[in-house]
Amino acid sequence: MADRSPRYQSKSASPQIKRVRPNRLESSSQSAIAGLWLAAGWIIPIASDFDFRRLVITGPLCLVGVMVAIGGRKPISGSTALFFIALLLIGLASSAAGSLTSWNLLEVAYTLLLALVATYGVAPALIGLPLRPERLILLTTATPIVLACLSAAIAIYASLLSNFPLRFPEPIGNYGNIRFFNQYQTWLLPFLATALALLNPLTRARRGFWIASIFAVGIFFWALYWRSGGRGTGYATLLATTAVILLHGRAGIRHAMLMALLAAAGYIAYLVMCFHGGQGPTDHLLSTSPNGRLYLWRIAIEYIRLHPWLGIGPMQFAAIDTGLASHPHNAVLQWAVEWGLPAAALFVSGIGYLYFKWIGIARRLVTRDDSSIPPALVVAVTASLIAGGIHAMVSGVIDMPASQFILVTVAGLAGRIALTAEPARVNDYCPTRFDAAIDLVVRAIVLTASLYVGVFTAYDYWHRPHSPKPASAVYLRNTYQPRYWLDGTLTGLTPHPLPPRVSRKSD
């Protein structure tokens, strides 16, 4: 493997990776952020239910936001800050124009926090960790995969002891919806191939033990995928794997071969373990039914036609009486229908810019002979980002807590790699007075958003168990369509009717 060649092993002393040593305050802040974020990542796969996962990600998200706002010396650059300020202003205008302003502001603040924490919290924190790439992957992605598999194995063992057969979607039914687990897998599956290609991170264990362990975990993780039969994850992973072959040549081919090996072995393991009950994997995987997506897209497009500039309000698709889902199963349509077309254009342009910038950096790193970053890690991040982006076009990847957490983590990994690969540009950055002023503004925004999200979540969660549930037919028809909490609730507050040109879906 290219990653285990002398070229890769000698890079720890490479002169290309000189970094300015952070001061004590910044170093402490980065260590706290890294520890807090990684701990949350280990809890999510073993969490008991959807709402607890929401708390697990929201708490660290708000705390990291506060640390970013008040700790450290790294400036928030003017150009990036202006982008976030523009989104904030559009989000505030959309929130004021829509109903349920407090929930609208929650979505605006939460969305900005996800982006800002990934950019200015998680990425710098991962840079500050004195870890080799293989140990970084072990902490950020391999450990959550192991814990998810352990949780499923315990469910299988309990079923065997009780002589009670598993029914679909068990043994992975504690995510609120089996597709939320699939979204989680979409981000993580590419890193199994990376773990096989990297050096052994366990200093007291033989490499053979590490390889055998990752094979066992990877095969079981893929077996869980085949059990779930998630089309979105399968197609997104297949397309992303094809993309890295085209983008990264030999490194991409190695990645694809390891992915195919694990997928095939996982399918065999699935058949051997006889995960039966309700439906088989091919029933859904081979289906061509849109499963209501066209109906949701028609609703979104019709509301975009009625409210093109500011949308119906952030998170307000969840208040539409669809009887099917709380989001349109398409990230671009969701931004357009809720925030308006200008905001959607900003989202798409910003993400598109980052995608193309990352692809350029990744291709250089994979082909360079003086890089300290193993090609397998670069390829896995590329595959994960592409797969997550594709899956977001047909599902709620950007909405559900488990996938939101991994989204931020993978974005942070990409940021760490990019900033480590080009340290001179970061170290030579000299902020102007304008940059300093913008930096203060954005830090104030991050602090305000963190406090608002934290207070809103704590207050709402505390009162939720003690509040009577709405008894209206609208609420009952739309219950358990998660957007923020598992039970939805927005349609029970101020339900939006279906657009005039869209009739209710009969099925």
Protein backbone atom coordinates (compact mmCIF):
# COMPACT_ATOMS: atom_id res chain seq x y z
CA MET A 1 0.00 0.00 0.00
CA ALA A 2 1.20 3.47 -0.79
CA ASP A 3 0.32 4.57 2.72
CA ARG A 4 2.80 2.18 4.33
CA SER A 5 5.68 2.98 2.03
CA PRO A 6 8.82 4.79 3.25
CA ARG A 7 7.45 7.90 1.54
CA TYR A 8 4.54 8.01 4.01
CA GLN A 9 6.42 6.80 7.10
CA SER A 10 9.12 9.44 6.83
CA LYS A 11 6.79 12.36 6.69
CA SER A 12 6.58 13.01 10.43
CA ALA A 13 9.80 14.99 10.12
CA SER A 14 8.88 16.70 6.88
CA PRO A 15 9.76 20.42 6.76
CA GLN A 16 6.45 21.03 5.00
CA ILE A 17 4.50 20.60 8.24
CA LYS A 18 5.81 23.39 10.44
CA ARG A 19 3.12 24.96 12.58
CA VAL A 20 3.10 27.94 14.87
CA ARG A 21 2.88 26.68 18.44
CA PRO A 22 -0.35 27.91 20.02
CA ASN A 23 -0.30 29.81 23.29
CA ARG A 24 -1.45 28.14 26.49
CA LEU A 25 -5.01 29.49 26.34
CA GLU A 26 -5.49 28.43 22.74
CA SER A 27 -3.94 25.00 23.40
CA SER A 28 -6.19 24.40 26.41
CA SER A 29 -9.25 25.51 24.46
CA GLN A 30 -8.42 23.20 21.54
CA SER A 31 -7.82 20.24 23.85
CA ALA A 32 -11.15 20.85 25.59
CA ILE A 33 -12.98 21.10 22.26
CA ALA A 34 -11.38 17.92 20.92
CA GLY A 35 -12.13 15.95 24.08
CA LEU A 36 -15.70 17.19 24.30
CA TRP A 37 -16.44 16.52 20.65
CA LEU A 38 -14.87 13.06 20.56
CA ALA A 39 -16.70 12.06 23.75
CA ALA A 40 -20.02 13.06 22.19
CA GLY A 41 -19.13 11.03 19.10
CA TRP A 42 -18.66 7.93 21.22
CA ILE A 43 -22.01 8.37 22.99
CA ILE A 44 -24.12 8.89 19.84
CA PRO A 45 -23.96 5.30 18.46
CA ILE A 46 -24.97 3.81 21.82
CA ALA A 47 -27.56 6.44 22.76
CA SER A 48 -30.98 5.12 23.68
CA ASP A 49 -33.21 7.21 21.43
CA PHE A 50 -33.51 10.09 18.96
CA ASP A 51 -34.11 12.86 21.51
CA PHE A 52 -31.13 11.82 23.61
CA ARG A 53 -28.95 12.00 20.50
CA ARG A 54 -30.28 15.50 19.91
CA LEU A 55 -29.14 16.47 23.40
CA VAL A 56 -25.79 14.73 22.92
CA ILE A 57 -24.94 16.79 19.86
CA THR A 58 -26.61 20.05 20.93
CA GLY A 59 -24.81 20.29 24.27
CA PRO A 60 -21.27 20.01 22.87
CA LEU A 61 -22.24 22.13 19.86
CA CYS A 62 -23.24 25.02 22.13
CA LEU A 63 -20.25 24.60 24.45
CA VAL A 64 -17.81 24.48 21.54
CA GLY A 65 -19.52 27.56 20.10
CA VAL A 66 -18.92 29.43 23.34
CA MET A 67 -15.26 28.31 23.35
CA VAL A 68 -14.83 29.47 19.75
CA ALA A 69 -16.39 32.84 20.61
CA ILE A 70 -14.36 33.64 23.72
CA GLY A 71 -11.25 31.42 23.58
CA GLY A 72 -8.13 31.24 21.47
CA ARG A 73 -6.42 33.73 19.22
CA LYS A 74 -7.23 32.39 15.76
CA PRO A 75 -9.06 35.15 13.84
CA ILE A 76 -12.19 34.45 11.85
CA SER A 77 -11.26 35.64 8.35
CA GLY A 78 -13.23 38.49 6.79
CA SER A 79 -14.34 36.79 3.57
CA THR A 80 -15.65 33.70 5.34
CA ALA A 81 -17.27 35.80 8.04
CA LEU A 82 -19.10 37.94 5.49
CA PHE A 83 -20.59 34.79 3.99
CA PHE A 84 -21.98 33.73 7.37
CA ILE A 85 -23.21 37.23 8.13
CA ALA A 86 -25.09 37.31 4.82
CA LEU A 87 -26.73 33.97 5.63
CA LEU A 88 -27.61 35.22 9.10
CA LEU A 89 -29.29 38.35 7.76
CA ILE A 90 -31.33 36.37 5.24
CA GLY A 91 -32.23 33.85 7.94
CA LEU A 92 -33.37 36.62 10.28
CA ALA A 93 -35.48 38.19 7.54
CA SER A 94 -37.02 34.82 6.68
CA SER A 95 -37.70 34.15 10.37
CA ALA A 96 -39.43 37.49 10.82
CA ALA A 97 -41.59 36.91 7.75
CA GLY A 98 -42.70 33.41 8.78
CA SER A 99 -44.72 32.08 11.69
CA LEU A 100 -43.31 30.46 14.85
CA THR A 101 -40.38 32.88 14.98
CA SER A 102 -38.72 31.17 17.95
CA TRP A 103 -38.44 27.88 16.02
CA ASN A 104 -37.31 29.73 12.91
CA LEU A 105 -34.49 31.36 14.87
CA LEU A 106 -33.57 27.97 16.33
CA GLU A 107 -33.00 26.58 12.83
CA VAL A 108 -30.98 29.64 11.79
CA ALA A 109 -28.80 29.54 14.90
CA TYR A 110 -28.34 25.76 14.75
CA THR A 111 -27.38 25.78 11.07
CA LEU A 112 -24.82 28.54 11.57
CA LEU A 113 -23.42 26.76 14.62
CA LEU A 114 -22.90 23.54 12.68
CA ALA A 115 -20.93 25.37 10.00
CA LEU A 116 -18.96 27.65 12.32
CA VAL A 117 -18.10 24.94 14.83
CA ALA A 118 -16.82 22.69 12.04
CA THR A 119 -14.72 25.53 10.59
CA TYR A 120 -13.41 27.29 13.69
CA GLY A 121 -13.85 24.69 16.41
CA VAL A 122 -13.43 21.07 15.34
CA ALA A 123 -10.87 21.57 12.54
CA PRO A 124 -8.41 23.65 14.67
CA ALA A 125 -8.94 21.28 17.61
CA LEU A 126 -8.03 18.27 15.48
CA ILE A 127 -4.96 20.12 14.20
CA GLY A 128 -3.90 20.70 17.79
CA LEU A 129 -4.06 17.01 18.69
CA PRO A 130 -0.54 15.51 18.55
CA LEU A 131 -1.77 12.35 16.85
CA ARG A 132 -0.61 10.32 13.89
CA PRO A 133 -3.26 9.89 11.15
CA GLU A 134 -4.03 6.30 12.13
CA ARG A 135 -4.77 7.27 15.74
CA LEU A 136 -6.84 10.22 14.61
CA ILE A 137 -9.00 7.90 12.51
CA LEU A 138 -9.25 5.47 15.43
CA LEU A 139 -10.63 8.21 17.70
CA THR A 140 -12.89 10.04 15.26
CA THR A 141 -14.46 7.28 13.13
CA ALA A 142 -13.28 3.75 14.01
CA THR A 143 -14.35 3.94 17.66
CA PRO A 144 -17.91 5.15 16.85
CA ILE A 145 -18.22 2.32 14.30
CA VAL A 146 -17.06 -0.22 16.90
CA LEU A 147 -19.56 1.12 19.44
CA ALA A 148 -22.42 1.02 16.92
CA CYS A 149 -21.56 -2.59 16.14
CA LEU A 150 -21.30 -3.41 19.84
CA SER A 151 -24.77 -1.94 20.45
CA ALA A 152 -26.22 -4.06 17.63
CA ALA A 153 -24.39 -7.18 18.83
CA ILE A 154 -25.87 -6.75 22.31
CA ALA A 155 -29.36 -6.56 20.79
CA ILE A 156 -28.71 -9.77 18.83
CA TYR A 157 -27.35 -11.53 21.93
CA ALA A 158 -30.36 -10.43 23.99
CA SER A 159 -32.64 -11.80 21.29
CA LEU A 160 -30.88 -15.17 21.38
CA LEU A 161 -31.06 -15.35 25.18
CA SER A 162 -34.75 -14.47 25.26
CA ASN A 163 -35.59 -16.69 22.29
CA PHE A 164 -37.44 -13.70 20.87
CA PRO A 165 -36.76 -13.25 17.14
CA LEU A 166 -35.50 -9.93 15.89
CA ARG A 167 -37.99 -8.01 13.82
CA PHE A 168 -37.11 -5.36 11.30
CA PRO A 169 -35.47 -2.86 11.88
CA GLU A 170 -33.73 -4.55 14.81
CA PRO A 171 -30.94 -4.79 15.87
CA ILE A 172 -30.59 -1.13 14.89
CA GLY A 173 -33.98 0.28 15.74
CA ASN A 174 -32.97 2.87 18.34
CA TYR A 175 -32.35 5.68 15.83
CA GLY A 176 -35.98 6.79 15.52
CA ASN A 177 -35.96 5.54 11.94
CA ILE A 178 -33.78 2.94 10.26
CA ARG A 179 -32.87 5.49 7.57
CA PHE A 180 -31.25 7.73 10.20
CA PHE A 181 -28.81 4.89 10.87
CA ASN A 182 -28.21 4.63 7.12
CA GLN A 183 -27.39 8.35 6.98
CA TYR A 184 -24.89 7.78 9.79
CA GLN A 185 -23.36 4.91 7.82
CA THR A 186 -23.07 7.01 4.66
CA TRP A 187 -20.46 9.21 6.30
CA LEU A 188 -18.59 6.40 8.08
CA LEU A 189 -18.35 3.49 5.62
CA PRO A 190 -15.41 4.98 3.62
CA PHE A 191 -13.25 5.15 6.75
CA LEU A 192 -13.26 1.38 7.19
CA ALA A 193 -11.13 1.08 4.06
CA THR A 194 -8.83 3.77 5.44
CA ALA A 195 -8.40 1.95 8.75
CA LEU A 196 -7.26 -1.14 6.82
CA ALA A 197 -4.75 0.83 4.76
CA LEU A 198 -3.17 2.82 7.59
CA LEU A 199 -0.53 1.73 10.07
CA ASN A 200 -1.44 0.00 13.32
CA PRO A 201 -2.46 2.67 15.89
CA LEU A 202 -2.25 0.19 18.79
CA THR A 203 1.37 0.23 19.89
CA ARG A 204 1.15 -2.94 21.98
CA ALA A 205 -0.73 -5.03 19.43
CA ARG A 206 0.49 -6.74 16.30
CA ARG A 207 -0.59 -5.34 12.97
CA GLY A 208 -2.30 -8.64 12.21
CA PHE A 209 -4.55 -8.16 15.23
CA TRP A 210 -5.47 -4.66 14.03
CA ILE A 211 -6.28 -5.85 10.51
CA ALA A 212 -8.34 -8.76 11.82
CA SER A 213 -10.24 -6.47 14.18
CA ILE A 214 -11.07 -3.92 11.48
CA PHE A 215 -12.13 -6.70 9.11
CA ALA A 216 -14.45 -8.14 11.74
CA VAL A 217 -15.96 -4.76 12.60
CA GLY A 218 -16.16 -3.70 8.95
CA ILE A 219 -17.89 -6.90 7.88
CA PHE A 220 -20.42 -6.61 10.71
CA PHE A 221 -21.03 -2.91 9.98
CA TRP A 222 -21.69 -3.77 6.33
CA ALA A 223 -23.92 -6.67 7.43
CA LEU A 224 -26.01 -4.14 9.35
CA TYR A 225 -26.27 -2.09 6.17
CA TRP A 226 -27.51 -5.09 4.18
CA ARG A 227 -29.98 -5.77 6.96
CA SER A 228 -31.35 -2.22 6.69
CA GLY A 229 -31.53 -2.20 2.87
CA GLY A 230 -30.96 1.55 2.62
CA ARG A 231 -30.94 2.57 -1.05
CA GLY A 232 -29.68 6.09 -0.42
CA THR A 233 -26.57 4.91 1.40
CA GLY A 234 -25.86 2.20 -1.15
CA TYR A 235 -26.18 4.38 -4.23
CA ALA A 236 -24.37 7.33 -2.61
CA THR A 237 -21.49 5.07 -1.54
CA LEU A 238 -21.29 3.45 -4.97
CA LEU A 239 -21.22 6.82 -6.76
CA ALA A 240 -18.71 8.27 -4.29
CA THR A 241 -16.43 5.25 -4.69
CA THR A 242 -16.60 5.60 -8.47
CA ALA A 243 -15.80 9.30 -8.12
CA VAL A 244 -12.63 8.71 -6.06
CA ILE A 245 -11.44 6.19 -8.65
CA LEU A 246 -11.72 8.90 -11.31
CA LEU A 247 -10.26 11.62 -9.07
CA HIS A 248 -7.45 9.79 -7.29
CA GLY A 249 -6.32 7.05 -9.64
CA ARG A 250 -4.45 4.21 -7.94
CA ALA A 251 -5.27 5.40 -4.43
CA GLY A 252 -8.94 5.52 -5.41
CA ILE A 253 -8.76 2.02 -6.91
CA ARG A 254 -7.24 0.64 -3.70
CA HIS A 255 -10.02 2.29 -1.73
CA ALA A 256 -12.66 0.82 -4.06
CA MET A 257 -11.17 -2.67 -3.81
CA LEU A 258 -11.22 -2.60 -0.01
CA MET A 259 -14.77 -1.20 0.00
CA ALA A 260 -15.92 -3.97 -2.38
CA LEU A 261 -14.21 -6.63 -0.25
CA LEU A 262 -15.88 -5.43 2.95
CA ALA A 263 -19.27 -5.01 1.25
CA ALA A 264 -19.18 -8.53 -0.22
CA ALA A 265 -18.00 -10.10 3.03
CA GLY A 266 -20.67 -8.15 4.90
CA TYR A 267 -23.38 -9.47 2.60
CA ILE A 268 -22.20 -13.04 3.17
CA ALA A 269 -22.18 -12.40 6.92
CA TYR A 270 -25.71 -11.04 6.65
CA LEU A 271 -26.89 -14.21 4.95
CA VAL A 272 -25.10 -16.44 7.46
CA MET A 273 -26.53 -14.59 10.45
CA CYS A 274 -30.00 -14.81 8.90
CA PHE A 275 -31.18 -11.28 9.63
CA HIS A 276 -34.75 -12.01 8.62
CA GLY A 277 -37.95 -10.35 9.68
CA GLY A 278 -40.32 -8.18 7.69
CA GLN A 279 -38.26 -7.57 4.58
CA GLY A 280 -35.00 -8.57 2.97
CA PRO A 281 -32.34 -6.18 1.74
CA THR A 282 -33.01 -6.70 -1.96
CA ASP A 283 -36.72 -5.90 -1.58
CA HIS A 284 -35.96 -2.26 -0.95
CA LEU A 285 -32.58 -1.95 -2.65
CA LEU A 286 -33.98 -3.06 -6.01
CA SER A 287 -37.14 -1.00 -5.72
CA THR A 288 -37.56 1.96 -8.08
CA SER A 289 -40.36 3.56 -6.08
CA PRO A 290 -39.64 7.16 -4.99
CA ASN A 291 -41.44 6.41 -1.70
CA GLY A 292 -43.26 9.73 -1.58
CA ARG A 293 -40.29 11.90 -2.53
CA LEU A 294 -41.96 13.25 -5.68
CA TYR A 295 -44.96 14.25 -3.59
CA LEU A 296 -42.69 16.10 -1.10
CA TRP A 297 -40.75 17.76 -3.91
CA ARG A 298 -43.99 19.00 -5.49
CA ILE A 299 -45.00 20.56 -2.18
CA ALA A 300 -41.61 22.25 -1.86
CA ILE A 301 -41.61 23.56 -5.43
CA GLU A 302 -45.13 24.92 -5.09
CA TYR A 303 -44.27 26.77 -1.87
CA ILE A 304 -41.10 28.10 -3.51
CA ARG A 305 -43.30 29.50 -6.28
CA LEU A 306 -45.52 31.18 -3.68
CA HIS A 307 -42.66 32.46 -1.45
CA PRO A 308 -39.51 32.70 -3.60
CA TRP A 309 -37.48 35.34 -1.74
CA LEU A 310 -37.70 34.58 1.97
CA GLY A 311 -39.38 31.18 1.93
CA ILE A 312 -41.95 30.04 4.47
CA GLY A 313 -39.49 30.27 7.37
CA PRO A 314 -36.55 28.11 8.55
CA MET A 315 -37.74 24.69 9.79
CA GLN A 316 -41.31 25.50 8.71
CA PHE A 317 -41.56 22.64 6.21
CA ALA A 318 -42.03 20.57 9.36
CA ALA A 319 -45.22 22.55 10.00
CA ILE A 320 -46.74 21.62 6.64
CA ASP A 321 -49.51 19.07 6.99
CA THR A 322 -47.93 16.57 4.58
CA GLY A 323 -48.79 13.43 6.52
CA LEU A 324 -45.49 11.99 5.33
CA ALA A 325 -42.29 13.82 6.32
CA SER A 326 -41.00 16.96 8.05
CA HIS A 327 -38.49 17.83 5.32
CA PRO A 328 -38.58 17.54 1.51
CA HIS A 329 -35.83 14.88 1.32
CA ASN A 330 -33.62 17.23 -0.68
CA ALA A 331 -31.22 19.69 0.94
CA VAL A 332 -31.37 22.30 -1.84
CA LEU A 333 -35.16 22.26 -1.97
CA GLN A 334 -35.27 22.48 1.80
CA TRP A 335 -33.13 25.62 1.88
CA ALA A 336 -35.11 27.15 -0.99
CA VAL A 337 -38.56 26.46 0.44
CA GLU A 338 -37.68 27.48 4.00
CA TRP A 339 -35.02 30.19 3.66
CA GLY A 340 -35.80 31.40 0.13
CA LEU A 341 -33.98 31.19 -3.19
CA PRO A 342 -31.24 33.75 -2.37
CA ALA A 343 -30.25 31.81 0.75
CA ALA A 344 -30.32 28.52 -1.18
CA ALA A 345 -28.04 30.06 -3.81
CA LEU A 346 -25.63 31.14 -1.05
CA PHE A 347 -25.67 27.67 0.50
CA VAL A 348 -25.05 25.93 -2.81
CA SER A 349 -22.33 28.36 -3.93
CA GLY A 350 -20.52 28.15 -0.59
CA ILE A 351 -20.64 24.36 -0.42
CA GLY A 352 -19.74 24.06 -4.11
CA TYR A 353 -16.72 26.30 -3.60
CA LEU A 354 -15.54 24.21 -0.64
CA TYR A 355 -16.07 20.96 -2.56
CA PHE A 356 -13.97 22.12 -5.53
CA LYS A 357 -11.32 23.58 -3.25
CA TRP A 358 -11.09 20.31 -1.33
CA ILE A 359 -10.87 18.26 -4.52
CA GLY A 360 -7.94 20.39 -5.66
CA ILE A 361 -6.13 19.99 -2.34
CA ALA A 362 -6.91 16.26 -2.19
CA ARG A 363 -5.59 15.55 -5.68
CA ARG A 364 -2.33 17.35 -4.89
CA LEU A 365 -1.90 15.46 -1.60
CA VAL A 366 -2.49 12.06 -3.17
CA THR A 367 0.12 12.64 -5.90
CA ARG A 368 2.75 14.51 -3.86
CA ASP A 369 5.85 12.61 -2.73
CA ASP A 370 6.55 14.94 0.20
CA SER A 371 3.15 14.77 1.90
CA SER A 372 2.86 13.66 5.53
CA ILE A 373 -0.80 12.82 5.02
CA PRO A 374 -1.51 9.24 3.89
CA PRO A 375 -3.39 9.05 0.58
CA ALA A 376 -5.90 6.56 2.04
CA LEU A 377 -7.08 9.17 4.54
CA VAL A 378 -7.47 11.82 1.86
CA VAL A 379 -9.41 9.45 -0.39
CA ALA A 380 -11.72 8.42 2.47
CA VAL A 381 -12.55 12.04 3.34
CA THR A 382 -13.28 12.74 -0.33
CA ALA A 383 -15.53 9.68 -0.58
CA SER A 384 -17.33 10.55 2.63
CA LEU A 385 -17.98 14.16 1.59
CA ILE A 386 -19.24 13.13 -1.85
CA ALA A 387 -21.43 10.34 -0.47
CA GLY A 388 -22.90 12.62 2.18
CA GLY A 389 -23.66 15.30 -0.42
CA ILE A 390 -25.35 12.82 -2.76
CA HIS A 391 -27.38 11.26 0.03
CA ALA A 392 -28.54 14.72 1.17
CA MET A 393 -30.32 15.10 -2.17
CA VAL A 394 -32.75 12.29 -1.32
CA SER A 395 -32.93 12.31 2.48
CA GLY A 396 -32.59 14.36 5.66
CA VAL A 397 -28.84 14.00 6.15
CA ILE A 398 -28.55 17.67 7.16
CA ASP A 399 -31.34 17.41 9.76
CA MET A 400 -30.87 14.32 11.91
CA PRO A 401 -28.58 14.49 14.98
CA ALA A 402 -26.34 11.46 14.31
CA SER A 403 -25.64 12.45 10.69
CA GLN A 404 -25.24 16.12 11.67
CA PHE A 405 -22.55 15.16 14.14
CA ILE A 406 -20.59 13.09 11.62
CA LEU A 407 -21.06 15.84 9.01
CA VAL A 408 -19.28 18.30 11.32
CA THR A 409 -16.61 15.73 12.21
CA VAL A 410 -15.80 14.85 8.59
CA ALA A 411 -15.79 18.55 7.65
CA GLY A 412 -13.40 19.10 10.56
CA LEU A 413 -11.13 16.31 9.32
CA ALA A 414 -11.12 17.87 5.86
CA GLY A 415 -10.27 21.24 7.40
CA ARG A 416 -7.46 19.72 9.45
CA ILE A 417 -5.94 18.08 6.38
CA ALA A 418 -6.27 21.22 4.26
CA LEU A 419 -4.77 23.52 6.90
CA THR A 420 -1.96 21.08 7.72
CA ALA A 421 -1.14 20.67 4.04
CA GLU A 422 -0.86 24.43 3.49
CA PRO A 423 0.44 25.81 6.82
CA ALA A 424 2.29 28.77 5.30
CA ARG A 425 -0.92 30.39 4.11
CA VAL A 426 -2.39 30.12 7.61
CA ASN A 427 0.72 31.23 9.49
CA ASP A 428 1.37 34.20 7.21
CA TYR A 429 -2.18 35.54 7.58
CA CYS A 430 -2.15 39.11 8.94
CA PRO A 431 -5.64 40.44 9.74
CA THR A 432 -6.49 44.04 8.90
CA ARG A 433 -8.61 46.33 11.06
CA PHE A 434 -11.62 45.38 8.94
CA ASP A 435 -10.90 41.68 9.53
CA ALA A 436 -10.58 42.34 13.26
CA ALA A 437 -13.94 44.11 13.33
CA ILE A 438 -15.62 41.33 11.37
CA ASP A 439 -13.98 38.79 13.67
CA LEU A 440 -15.62 40.43 16.69
CA VAL A 441 -18.99 40.51 14.96
CA VAL A 442 -18.86 36.82 14.08
CA ARG A 443 -17.69 35.85 17.56
CA ALA A 444 -20.67 37.73 18.96
CA ILE A 445 -22.95 35.88 16.53
CA VAL A 446 -21.47 32.52 17.55
CA LEU A 447 -21.88 33.32 21.23
CA THR A 448 -25.46 34.51 20.78
CA ALA A 449 -26.38 31.49 18.67
CA SER A 450 -24.83 29.11 21.20
CA LEU A 451 -26.71 30.65 24.10
CA TYR A 452 -30.01 30.75 22.19
CA VAL A 453 -29.82 27.14 21.04
CA GLY A 454 -28.74 25.95 24.47
CA VAL A 455 -31.47 27.80 26.37
CA PHE A 456 -34.17 26.90 23.83
CA THR A 457 -33.24 23.21 23.88
CA ALA A 458 -33.02 22.96 27.66
CA TYR A 459 -36.31 24.81 28.21
CA ASP A 460 -38.21 22.95 25.52
CA TYR A 461 -36.89 19.53 26.53
CA TRP A 462 -37.65 20.19 30.20
CA HIS A 463 -41.26 21.14 29.48
CA ARG A 464 -41.87 18.57 26.74
CA PRO A 465 -42.52 15.52 28.96
CA HIS A 466 -44.95 17.53 31.12
CA SER A 467 -46.87 19.25 28.31
CA PRO A 468 -50.10 17.70 26.98
CA LYS A 469 -49.83 16.52 23.41
CA PRO A 470 -52.07 18.22 20.85
CA ALA A 471 -55.16 16.15 20.16
CA SER A 472 -55.84 17.58 16.72
CA ALA A 473 -56.11 15.33 13.68
CA VAL A 474 -53.32 17.31 12.04
CA TYR A 475 -50.87 16.56 14.84
CA LEU A 476 -51.86 12.90 15.04
CA ARG A 477 -51.41 12.55 11.28
CA ASN A 478 -47.91 14.02 11.42
CA THR A 479 -46.61 12.64 14.72
CA TYR A 480 -43.14 11.06 14.74
CA GLN A 481 -41.84 12.91 11.72
CA PRO A 482 -38.63 14.20 13.32
CA ARG A 483 -37.05 17.50 12.53
CA TYR A 484 -35.73 18.63 15.90
CA TRP A 485 -37.49 16.32 18.37
CA LEU A 486 -38.72 12.85 17.51
CA ASP A 487 -42.42 13.68 17.80
CA GLY A 488 -42.23 16.59 15.35
CA THR A 489 -44.64 18.97 17.19
CA LEU A 490 -44.53 21.87 14.73
CA THR A 491 -47.71 20.76 12.97
CA GLY A 492 -49.35 20.74 16.39
CA LEU A 493 -48.52 24.41 16.89
CA THR A 494 -49.24 26.22 13.63
CA PRO A 495 -49.82 23.79 10.76
CA HIS A 496 -49.34 25.02 7.22
CA PRO A 497 -51.91 23.61 4.78
CA LEU A 498 -50.86 21.87 1.60
CA PRO A 499 -50.28 24.25 -1.33
CA PRO A 500 -53.40 24.79 -3.48
CA ARG A 501 -52.04 22.81 -6.43
CA VAL A 502 -50.99 19.75 -4.38
CA SER A 503 -53.58 17.22 -3.25
CA ARG A 504 -53.10 14.98 -0.23
CA LYS A 505 -51.16 11.80 -0.89
CA SER A 506 -53.57 8.93 -0.60
CA ASP A 507 -50.99 6.35 0.51
